[in-house]
Amino acid sequence: MPPLFSFGIAILIGALVGIEREKKKVDEREPTIGGLRTFMLIAMAGAIAAWLSVELATPWIFIAVGVVIGAVVVAGYILHVMGHPDAHGTTTEVAAIVVYLLGGLPVFGYQTIAVALAITTSALLAFKEPLHGAIERIGRDDLYAALKLLIATFVVLPVLPNRAIDPWGAVNPYRVWILVILISGLSLVGYVAARWLGEGRGMVVTGLVGGLVSSTAVTLSFAKTSREERLDPSKAQSLAAGLLLSWTVMFVRILVLVAVAYRALLEAVVAPMVAMGLASAVVAGVAYYQSSRTTEHNTTEGVPMKNPFSLLPAVNFALLFTGVLLLVKLAQAYLPTNGVLAVAALAGLTDVDAITLSMAEFSRTGGDIQLAATAIAVATITNTLVKCGLAAGLGARALGWRVIVATVLILGAGAIAIIAA
């Protein structure tokens, strides 16, 4: 790339950051070490120093000029503080050093990175108030929860063996811990979404996103949340709405998997899946509407929100499902090979994706399509009943009875669709 083009990028980088600093200086009427022209000159100095370093094949020119720029910035900061004792921020000074480094990157051949980092730097400077406001809304418990989730994800997970440790190939510590992280992470996501969007919309977003990964994990997470918090009617309806939306996503996910794996099987499963999915979506919509109305008419003081993140309950839930998964593997190993529906029912205790893909492959290789469709329906019904039991048994009563009623309606719609077909 021609040197003049690299110099042009460097000057634009200085202008981008300098405009933001100049605007701040004008708006706040507070003198700083530099504005638009200063930052453009600093970026140009970085570009010239980098060009000389490249031409003379020595990095020391860029380093030496950087030291000089840093000394000038420090001197300017000292003079600024002496004239304004109450001003102790160093944001502009640090930005000046960053601009010097960014000014040299295009000359060294990293034009795209330089522009991207310059935009990021300008955004960080411009969004001071929103960023500080977000930090003020984060409590100490929220910070601890996020740190524990990061430790569980990036410290514990990588050291776990990603292989089965039992003779039947059922218990994989790596995958079990992923379930722990998923459940805990969904609790944290739901809490953050509720804080930012309000209870109802936060639960809806969590349900939709979580359902793409695991509706069972969403059910476990929401059941745990309902048990740990004192539920008013609006909160129970919000949790029910989010939970049922995750179920709706599960029915859609099954149809997508079948369409991708073996399209000929889609016609046999579409009726019950659409019927149950629509029923779940309607009930979720009613729950959300009732939640909104209850919130509007509720004049009492709301219950303070508490961060629901906790690893221990998630570990207990994961161990429970590991035990169920082990039973499924034992059944697959020792039940007769023609017990497809029995295996499907057992597989549905933990997950429907695996049996759905298995039945699609079964049909594609010459198996009975109607039998495969029935097996998928059985697994789906079993999974729905299991999640209903989890919500009713592990969650608060206010959430449990709502989910039971919804389950009856969903399975009833599926039964009608199967009979009509």
Protein backbone atom coordinates (compact mmCIF):
# COMPACT_ATOMS: atom_id res chain seq x y z
CA MET A 1 0.00 0.00 0.00
CA PRO A 2 1.39 3.50 -0.88
CA PRO A 3 2.78 5.38 2.14
CA LEU A 4 0.55 8.39 1.44
CA PHE A 5 -2.54 6.22 1.79
CA SER A 6 -1.30 4.91 5.16
CA PHE A 7 -0.59 8.49 6.26
CA GLY A 8 -4.12 9.46 5.22
CA ILE A 9 -5.61 6.66 7.34
CA ALA A 10 -3.51 7.76 10.31
CA ILE A 11 -4.68 11.37 9.99
CA LEU A 12 -8.32 10.24 9.77
CA ILE A 13 -7.83 8.13 12.89
CA GLY A 14 -6.53 11.17 14.75
CA ALA A 15 -9.44 13.24 13.46
CA LEU A 16 -12.00 10.61 14.52
CA VAL A 17 -10.82 10.53 18.12
CA GLY A 18 -9.94 14.24 18.13
CA ILE A 19 -13.44 15.32 17.12
CA GLU A 20 -14.90 13.48 20.11
CA ARG A 21 -12.35 15.04 22.50
CA GLU A 22 -12.88 18.50 20.95
CA LYS A 23 -16.64 18.12 21.39
CA LYS A 24 -16.16 17.18 25.04
CA LYS A 25 -13.88 20.16 25.61
CA VAL A 26 -16.43 22.54 24.09
CA ASP A 27 -19.48 21.04 25.82
CA GLU A 28 -17.92 20.84 29.27
CA ARG A 29 -15.92 24.07 28.84
CA GLU A 30 -12.94 22.42 30.42
CA PRO A 31 -9.45 22.74 28.91
CA THR A 32 -7.67 19.45 28.24
CA ILE A 33 -4.27 18.52 26.86
CA GLY A 34 -5.58 18.41 23.32
CA GLY A 35 -8.42 18.52 20.86
CA LEU A 36 -8.89 17.87 17.16
CA ARG A 37 -5.58 19.28 15.87
CA THR A 38 -3.52 17.77 18.69
CA PHE A 39 -4.84 14.26 18.11
CA MET A 40 -4.34 14.54 14.35
CA LEU A 41 -0.72 15.59 14.96
CA ILE A 42 -0.18 12.73 17.43
CA ALA A 43 -1.51 10.21 14.88
CA MET A 44 0.70 11.77 12.19
CA ALA A 45 3.72 11.48 14.50
CA GLY A 46 2.94 7.80 14.95
CA ALA A 47 2.71 7.31 11.19
CA ILE A 48 5.98 9.15 10.49
CA ALA A 49 7.82 7.27 13.25
CA ALA A 50 6.50 3.96 11.91
CA TRP A 51 7.53 4.85 8.34
CA LEU A 52 11.06 5.74 9.44
CA SER A 53 11.26 2.50 11.44
CA VAL A 54 10.26 0.51 8.37
CA GLU A 55 12.58 2.36 6.01
CA LEU A 56 15.58 2.14 8.35
CA ALA A 57 14.70 -1.39 9.53
CA THR A 58 14.75 -0.54 13.22
CA PRO A 59 11.85 -0.46 15.70
CA TRP A 60 13.68 1.90 18.04
CA ILE A 61 12.63 5.04 16.19
CA PHE A 62 8.92 4.24 16.77
CA ILE A 63 9.64 3.34 20.39
CA ALA A 64 11.72 6.47 21.02
CA VAL A 65 9.12 8.80 19.51
CA GLY A 66 6.48 7.00 21.55
CA VAL A 67 8.45 7.70 24.73
CA VAL A 68 8.68 11.38 23.78
CA ILE A 69 4.95 11.55 23.06
CA GLY A 70 4.26 9.86 26.38
CA ALA A 71 6.48 12.36 28.20
CA VAL A 72 4.68 15.28 26.54
CA VAL A 73 1.32 13.80 27.49
CA VAL A 74 2.40 13.33 31.12
CA ALA A 75 3.75 16.88 31.27
CA GLY A 76 0.49 18.20 29.87
CA TYR A 77 -1.46 16.20 32.43
CA ILE A 78 0.63 17.61 35.30
CA LEU A 79 0.10 21.16 34.09
CA HIS A 80 -3.62 20.49 33.66
CA VAL A 81 -3.97 19.13 37.19
CA MET A 82 -2.01 22.05 38.63
CA GLY A 83 -4.44 24.47 37.01
CA HIS A 84 -7.53 22.37 37.78
CA PRO A 85 -7.01 20.51 41.09
CA ASP A 86 -10.44 18.88 40.88
CA ALA A 87 -9.74 17.23 37.52
CA HIS A 88 -8.01 13.88 38.06
CA GLY A 89 -9.21 11.87 35.05
CA THR A 90 -6.63 10.46 32.65
CA THR A 91 -8.95 9.39 29.82
CA THR A 92 -7.74 12.00 27.33
CA GLU A 93 -4.10 11.29 28.12
CA VAL A 94 -4.51 7.54 27.63
CA ALA A 95 -6.47 8.20 24.41
CA ALA A 96 -3.56 10.29 23.11
CA ILE A 97 -1.11 7.40 23.61
CA VAL A 98 -3.56 5.00 21.96
CA VAL A 99 -3.89 7.34 18.98
CA TYR A 100 -0.11 7.43 18.59
CA LEU A 101 0.00 3.63 18.42
CA LEU A 102 -2.98 3.52 16.05
CA GLY A 103 -1.30 6.09 13.82
CA GLY A 104 1.61 3.71 13.31
CA LEU A 105 -0.46 0.59 12.57
CA PRO A 106 -1.45 1.50 8.97
CA VAL A 107 2.19 2.04 8.04
CA PHE A 108 3.10 -1.34 9.52
CA GLY A 109 0.41 -2.92 7.29
CA TYR A 110 -2.49 -3.27 9.72
CA GLN A 111 -4.95 -0.81 8.17
CA THR A 112 -8.16 -2.70 8.96
CA ILE A 113 -7.22 -3.31 12.58
CA ALA A 114 -6.22 0.33 12.99
CA VAL A 115 -9.55 1.64 11.69
CA ALA A 116 -11.57 -0.85 13.76
CA LEU A 117 -9.68 0.03 16.95
CA ALA A 118 -10.00 3.75 16.23
CA ILE A 119 -13.78 3.41 15.91
CA THR A 120 -13.86 1.39 19.13
CA THR A 121 -11.75 4.00 20.93
CA SER A 122 -14.00 6.82 19.78
CA ALA A 123 -17.10 4.88 20.85
CA LEU A 124 -15.66 4.20 24.31
CA LEU A 125 -14.94 7.89 24.74
CA ALA A 126 -18.35 9.01 23.44
CA PHE A 127 -20.40 6.53 25.47
CA LYS A 128 -19.07 7.65 28.84
CA GLU A 129 -22.45 8.26 30.48
CA PRO A 130 -24.17 5.03 29.29
CA LEU A 131 -21.16 2.93 30.34
CA HIS A 132 -20.94 4.56 33.76
CA GLY A 133 -24.69 4.18 34.17
CA ALA A 134 -24.49 0.49 33.37
CA ILE A 135 -21.69 0.01 35.91
CA GLU A 136 -23.71 1.78 38.59
CA ARG A 137 -26.56 -0.68 38.05
CA ILE A 138 -24.29 -3.68 38.64
CA GLY A 139 -24.28 -4.79 42.28
CA ARG A 140 -21.51 -6.66 44.04
CA ASP A 141 -23.53 -9.90 43.95
CA ASP A 142 -23.98 -9.47 40.20
CA LEU A 143 -20.23 -9.09 39.74
CA TYR A 144 -19.52 -12.19 41.85
CA ALA A 145 -22.10 -14.16 39.85
CA ALA A 146 -20.51 -13.19 36.54
CA LEU A 147 -17.04 -14.08 37.83
CA LYS A 148 -18.22 -17.49 39.04
CA LEU A 149 -19.79 -18.17 35.66
CA LEU A 150 -16.55 -17.18 33.91
CA ILE A 151 -14.54 -19.46 36.23
CA ALA A 152 -16.93 -22.35 35.59
CA THR A 153 -16.68 -21.79 31.83
CA PHE A 154 -13.02 -20.97 31.22
CA VAL A 155 -11.25 -22.60 34.19
CA VAL A 156 -13.24 -25.70 35.17
CA LEU A 157 -14.70 -26.77 31.81
CA PRO A 158 -11.41 -27.07 29.85
CA VAL A 159 -9.89 -29.49 32.41
CA LEU A 160 -12.83 -31.92 32.41
CA PRO A 161 -12.51 -35.04 30.23
CA ASN A 162 -14.62 -34.86 27.08
CA ARG A 163 -15.35 -38.59 26.98
CA ALA A 164 -17.67 -41.07 28.60
CA ILE A 165 -16.41 -42.45 31.91
CA ASP A 166 -18.92 -45.32 32.24
CA PRO A 167 -19.17 -48.61 30.33
CA TRP A 168 -22.40 -47.56 28.56
CA GLY A 169 -21.07 -44.26 27.22
CA ALA A 170 -23.68 -42.15 29.01
CA VAL A 171 -21.79 -39.99 31.52
CA ASN A 172 -19.55 -37.39 29.90
CA PRO A 173 -18.24 -34.92 32.56
CA TYR A 174 -17.56 -32.25 29.93
CA ARG A 175 -21.13 -32.32 28.61
CA VAL A 176 -22.60 -32.50 32.12
CA TRP A 177 -20.68 -29.38 33.10
CA ILE A 178 -21.87 -27.64 29.92
CA LEU A 179 -25.41 -28.27 31.17
CA VAL A 180 -24.44 -26.73 34.52
CA ILE A 181 -23.09 -23.65 32.74
CA LEU A 182 -26.16 -23.46 30.52
CA ILE A 183 -28.62 -23.57 33.40
CA SER A 184 -26.66 -21.07 35.47
CA GLY A 185 -26.06 -18.84 32.48
CA LEU A 186 -29.75 -18.78 31.62
CA SER A 187 -30.55 -17.73 35.18
CA LEU A 188 -28.07 -14.88 34.86
CA VAL A 189 -29.32 -13.90 31.39
CA GLY A 190 -32.91 -13.90 32.61
CA TYR A 191 -32.00 -11.72 35.57
CA VAL A 192 -30.09 -9.21 33.42
CA ALA A 193 -32.87 -9.13 30.80
CA ALA A 194 -35.47 -8.56 33.51
CA ARG A 195 -33.38 -5.74 34.99
CA TRP A 196 -32.97 -4.02 31.62
CA LEU A 197 -36.29 -4.79 29.90
CA GLY A 198 -38.65 -5.38 32.82
CA GLU A 199 -39.90 -8.67 34.22
CA GLY A 200 -42.24 -9.67 31.40
CA ARG A 201 -40.10 -8.79 28.40
CA GLY A 202 -36.95 -10.09 30.09
CA MET A 203 -38.46 -13.54 30.64
CA VAL A 204 -39.79 -13.61 27.08
CA VAL A 205 -36.35 -12.86 25.61
CA THR A 206 -34.71 -15.48 27.82
CA GLY A 207 -37.30 -18.08 26.88
CA LEU A 208 -36.91 -17.48 23.15
CA VAL A 209 -33.12 -17.51 23.21
CA GLY A 210 -32.85 -20.39 25.68
CA GLY A 211 -35.32 -22.49 23.71
CA LEU A 212 -32.93 -22.48 20.77
CA VAL A 213 -30.43 -24.36 22.94
CA SER A 214 -32.45 -26.35 25.48
CA SER A 215 -36.04 -25.86 26.59
CA THR A 216 -35.32 -28.27 29.44
CA ALA A 217 -32.56 -26.01 30.72
CA VAL A 218 -34.94 -23.03 30.55
CA THR A 219 -37.53 -24.99 32.52
CA LEU A 220 -34.98 -25.91 35.17
CA SER A 221 -33.68 -22.35 35.37
CA PHE A 222 -37.13 -20.78 35.69
CA ALA A 223 -38.25 -23.41 38.21
CA LYS A 224 -35.19 -22.62 40.33
CA THR A 225 -35.88 -18.90 40.07
CA SER A 226 -39.50 -19.35 41.12
CA ARG A 227 -38.47 -21.45 44.13
CA GLU A 228 -35.89 -18.94 45.33
CA GLU A 229 -38.06 -15.83 44.99
CA ARG A 230 -41.41 -14.89 46.51
CA LEU A 231 -43.71 -14.83 43.49
CA ASP A 232 -46.48 -12.34 42.95
CA PRO A 233 -49.03 -13.12 40.20
CA SER A 234 -47.29 -11.00 37.55
CA LYS A 235 -43.90 -12.67 38.17
CA ALA A 236 -45.45 -16.15 38.00
CA GLN A 237 -47.15 -15.27 34.71
CA SER A 238 -43.90 -13.82 33.33
CA LEU A 239 -41.98 -16.99 34.19
CA ALA A 240 -44.73 -19.15 32.70
CA ALA A 241 -44.73 -17.07 29.49
CA GLY A 242 -40.96 -17.36 29.04
CA LEU A 243 -40.95 -21.06 29.89
CA LEU A 244 -43.75 -21.86 27.43
CA LEU A 245 -42.09 -19.83 24.70
CA SER A 246 -39.00 -22.01 25.07
CA TRP A 247 -41.27 -25.03 24.57
CA THR A 248 -42.69 -23.39 21.44
CA VAL A 249 -39.17 -22.99 20.08
CA MET A 250 -38.57 -26.70 20.77
CA PHE A 251 -41.48 -27.73 18.51
CA VAL A 252 -40.18 -25.46 15.76
CA ARG A 253 -36.68 -26.86 16.24
CA ILE A 254 -37.96 -30.41 15.72
CA LEU A 255 -39.55 -29.46 12.41
CA VAL A 256 -36.33 -27.78 11.26
CA LEU A 257 -34.25 -30.82 12.20
CA VAL A 258 -36.58 -33.17 10.32
CA ALA A 259 -36.65 -30.91 7.26
CA VAL A 260 -32.86 -30.79 7.16
CA ALA A 261 -32.22 -34.47 7.97
CA TYR A 262 -34.96 -36.14 5.85
CA ARG A 263 -37.60 -33.96 4.21
CA ALA A 264 -39.88 -36.91 3.33
CA LEU A 265 -40.53 -37.43 7.05
CA LEU A 266 -41.71 -33.85 7.52
CA GLU A 267 -45.24 -34.43 6.27
CA ALA A 268 -45.81 -37.15 8.86
CA VAL A 269 -44.73 -35.03 11.84
CA VAL A 270 -45.82 -31.53 10.86
CA ALA A 271 -49.44 -31.76 12.08
CA PRO A 272 -48.83 -32.67 15.76
CA MET A 273 -45.75 -30.43 16.04
CA VAL A 274 -47.56 -27.40 14.59
CA ALA A 275 -50.62 -28.04 16.75
CA MET A 276 -48.60 -28.34 19.97
CA GLY A 277 -46.38 -25.41 19.00
CA LEU A 278 -49.35 -23.15 18.31
CA ALA A 279 -51.04 -24.20 21.55
CA SER A 280 -47.85 -23.47 23.48
CA ALA A 281 -47.47 -20.07 21.79
CA VAL A 282 -51.09 -19.13 22.50
CA VAL A 283 -50.88 -20.09 26.17
CA ALA A 284 -47.56 -18.22 26.46
CA GLY A 285 -49.19 -15.15 24.88
CA VAL A 286 -52.09 -15.30 27.31
CA ALA A 287 -49.68 -15.60 30.25
CA TYR A 288 -47.68 -12.61 29.02
CA TYR A 289 -50.85 -10.54 28.51
CA GLN A 290 -52.06 -11.39 32.01
CA SER A 291 -48.64 -10.54 33.39
CA SER A 292 -48.77 -7.11 31.74
CA ARG A 293 -52.27 -6.43 33.04
CA THR A 294 -51.37 -7.55 36.56
CA THR A 295 -48.33 -5.31 36.55
CA GLU A 296 -50.36 -2.31 35.37
CA HIS A 297 -52.98 -2.74 38.08
CA ASN A 298 -50.62 -3.71 40.87
CA THR A 299 -50.13 -0.66 43.09
CA THR A 300 -48.23 -2.44 45.85
CA GLU A 301 -44.49 -2.19 46.15
CA GLY A 302 -42.72 -4.85 44.11
CA VAL A 303 -40.45 -7.47 45.57
CA PRO A 304 -36.78 -6.42 45.15
CA MET A 305 -35.06 -8.48 42.49
CA LYS A 306 -32.29 -10.78 43.63
CA ASN A 307 -29.62 -12.27 41.40
CA PRO A 308 -30.71 -15.94 41.02
CA PHE A 309 -27.29 -17.22 39.91
CA SER A 310 -26.09 -20.25 41.83
CA LEU A 311 -23.93 -23.13 40.69
CA LEU A 312 -24.98 -25.66 43.33
CA PRO A 313 -28.64 -26.05 42.25
CA ALA A 314 -27.47 -26.27 38.63
CA VAL A 315 -25.03 -29.03 39.58
CA ASN A 316 -27.85 -30.93 41.33
CA PHE A 317 -30.08 -30.60 38.26
CA ALA A 318 -27.27 -31.79 35.99
CA LEU A 319 -26.64 -34.82 38.20
CA LEU A 320 -30.34 -35.65 38.10
CA PHE A 321 -30.37 -35.61 34.30
CA THR A 322 -27.15 -37.57 34.15
CA GLY A 323 -28.89 -40.32 36.07
CA VAL A 324 -31.82 -40.24 33.67
CA LEU A 325 -29.47 -40.32 30.70
CA LEU A 326 -27.77 -43.37 32.17
CA LEU A 327 -31.16 -45.12 32.41
CA VAL A 328 -31.83 -44.30 28.76
CA LYS A 329 -28.51 -45.82 27.71
CA LEU A 330 -29.22 -48.95 29.75
CA ALA A 331 -32.62 -49.26 28.11
CA GLN A 332 -31.12 -48.88 24.66
CA ALA A 333 -28.55 -51.54 25.47
CA TYR A 334 -30.85 -54.15 26.99
CA LEU A 335 -34.32 -53.58 25.54
CA PRO A 336 -35.29 -55.55 22.40
CA THR A 337 -34.24 -53.88 19.16
CA ASN A 338 -37.88 -53.60 18.05
CA GLY A 339 -38.80 -51.54 21.08
CA VAL A 340 -38.44 -48.28 19.11
CA LEU A 341 -41.30 -46.52 20.85
CA ALA A 342 -40.04 -47.55 24.28
CA VAL A 343 -36.60 -46.20 23.47
CA ALA A 344 -38.16 -43.00 22.10
CA ALA A 345 -40.13 -42.53 25.30
CA LEU A 346 -37.01 -43.00 27.38
CA ALA A 347 -34.93 -40.73 25.14
CA GLY A 348 -37.56 -38.03 25.50
CA LEU A 349 -36.88 -37.93 29.24
CA THR A 350 -33.77 -35.86 28.56
CA ASP A 351 -33.78 -34.58 24.99
CA VAL A 352 -35.72 -34.77 21.72
CA ASP A 353 -33.01 -33.73 19.27
CA ALA A 354 -31.13 -37.03 19.42
CA ILE A 355 -34.19 -39.22 18.85
CA THR A 356 -35.45 -36.88 16.11
CA LEU A 357 -32.21 -37.20 14.17
CA SER A 358 -32.08 -40.93 14.83
CA MET A 359 -35.61 -41.45 13.47
CA ALA A 360 -34.86 -39.30 10.43
CA GLU A 361 -31.86 -41.48 9.67
CA PHE A 362 -33.99 -44.58 10.35
CA SER A 363 -36.56 -43.41 7.76
CA ARG A 364 -33.94 -42.34 5.24
CA THR A 365 -32.38 -45.83 5.25
CA GLY A 366 -35.68 -47.59 4.54
CA GLY A 367 -37.42 -47.65 7.91
CA ASP A 368 -41.16 -47.17 8.38
CA ILE A 369 -41.86 -43.43 8.12
CA GLN A 370 -45.05 -43.65 10.16
CA LEU A 371 -43.22 -45.52 12.93
CA ALA A 372 -40.49 -42.88 12.91
CA ALA A 373 -43.05 -40.07 13.12
CA THR A 374 -44.82 -41.81 15.98
CA ALA A 375 -41.51 -42.26 17.82
CA ILE A 376 -40.75 -38.53 17.48
CA ALA A 377 -44.23 -37.67 18.76
CA VAL A 378 -43.82 -40.04 21.71
CA ALA A 379 -40.45 -38.53 22.60
CA THR A 380 -41.90 -35.03 22.36
CA ILE A 381 -44.85 -35.89 24.59
CA THR A 382 -42.56 -37.57 27.12
CA ASN A 383 -40.23 -34.58 27.14
CA THR A 384 -43.14 -32.18 27.63
CA LEU A 385 -44.45 -34.24 30.55
CA VAL A 386 -41.00 -34.38 32.12
CA LYS A 387 -40.60 -30.61 31.87
CA CYS A 388 -44.06 -30.16 33.33
CA GLY A 389 -43.06 -32.40 36.22
CA LEU A 390 -39.84 -30.43 36.73
CA ALA A 391 -41.70 -27.11 36.80
CA ALA A 392 -44.36 -28.46 39.15
CA GLY A 393 -42.02 -30.43 41.42
CA LEU A 394 -39.01 -28.11 41.57
CA GLY A 395 -40.71 -24.75 41.06
CA ALA A 396 -43.07 -22.71 43.17
CA ARG A 397 -46.73 -23.71 43.31
CA ALA A 398 -47.78 -20.51 41.51
CA LEU A 399 -45.68 -21.51 38.51
CA GLY A 400 -46.40 -25.24 38.74
CA TRP A 401 -50.16 -25.18 38.33
CA ARG A 402 -49.95 -22.77 35.42
CA VAL A 403 -47.54 -25.09 33.61
CA ILE A 404 -49.75 -28.11 34.35
CA VAL A 405 -52.77 -26.42 32.76
CA ALA A 406 -50.67 -25.39 29.77
CA THR A 407 -49.33 -28.95 29.38
CA VAL A 408 -52.86 -30.39 29.28
CA LEU A 409 -53.82 -27.92 26.55
CA ILE A 410 -50.66 -28.55 24.54
CA LEU A 411 -50.94 -32.33 24.64
CA GLY A 412 -54.66 -32.12 23.92
CA ALA A 413 -53.95 -30.12 20.78
CA GLY A 414 -51.34 -32.67 19.74
CA ALA A 415 -53.73 -35.57 20.31
CA ILE A 416 -56.45 -33.90 18.22
CA ALA A 417 -53.97 -33.30 15.41
CA ILE A 418 -52.82 -36.95 15.47
CA ILE A 419 -56.39 -38.28 15.46
CA ALA A 420 -57.44 -35.90 12.68
CA ALA A 421 -54.46 -36.93 10.56
